[in-house]
Amino acid sequence: MSDLYRLVYASKNLLQGSDAEIAAAVSQILDASRRNNAGVAVTGALMFNAGAFAQVLEGPREGVENTFERIQCDPRHGDVTVLQCGLVESRTFTNWSMAFVGQSEAGRTRWDGIAAASGFDLTRLDGDAVFAMLHGLVLEEEGLPAAASPPAEPSRQEGGPGPGLDVERVRAELPQAFRAPQAVRDAGAMPASGQAAGSVTARPEAALAVLRAALAQERQITTDLRNELDTVRIALAIEQELAATLRGERDLWAGRAQVLASAMSREASAVAEDAPAAAGRAEVAVRAIA
């Protein structure tokens, strides 16, 4: 079984100071992450805004857990909340010791949207959406088409599932994924050791990333449909249970009515049978008086 482990977390940003001081602190966090991660084969990505951090860590389980333990003890992080964790088959952030994807306007907008959807409650953040957001932003850093990124949240219409897998789009993206990507635009996002600074070589992993993104979207749609089906089944079970209860009450009252009707019938028969005898007794009494 693979020992490759993934952990996604979010935490409150407790950094204080001027913009320049905060930028210096984030740079220090990145430098320490890249230095430490290189020694334990951990890769990942970091998102930062004025309110919170979001980060994904991938690597050997021991390395990921030790890294996360340091983060939990870091006074610059507050309310550290695990959003997703577990064993995985392959890395998503193969080429990044720690990519920093918090500087783009698009990234901040996506992160703000996910945070708003949770009511700005870290415990209610969607771990899959946070992971997809970080993955998509890193793909953009690598120069892949933005459409290759899995959506932060599945595209859905009100009251129904989102669209199915766009096969034609995936076919169109695969040839682009095999081309040499553009130069890494942000000098702050460091490629993993062994790669030349400022460039990334063409690799099959890019095509795999396109396929993984499409698969992740399809898996999310399937999960949403399964959840909706479960909701319908629960509602149906409740309706069936209610109907069974009503049928039971109906049968109970019908039985009681039948018992009452039988008793009234017996009493009426008894009265009818006793009427002649009562009339005879009355006649005898009248004669005696006369």
Foldseek 3Di string as FASTA:
>chain_A
DDQKKKWKKKFWFQDDDDPVSVVVVVLVVLVVLLVLLLVQVKFWEWADDNTMIIIMIIHGPVSVVVVVVVVVVDPRTHPIGIQDMDHDDDDLGNWFSYFYQHPDPVLVVQVVVQCVVQVVDRNSGHRQLSRLSRSLSVCVLQQADSVLGAHSAADQDPPGFGDAQPVVVLVVRLVVLQDFHAFRDDQSGDTHPPDDHRGDGGDCVSNVSSVVSSVSNNVNSVVVVVVVVVVVVVVVVVVVVVVVVVVVVVVVVVVVVVVVVVVVVVVVVVCVVCVVVVVVVVVVVVVVVD
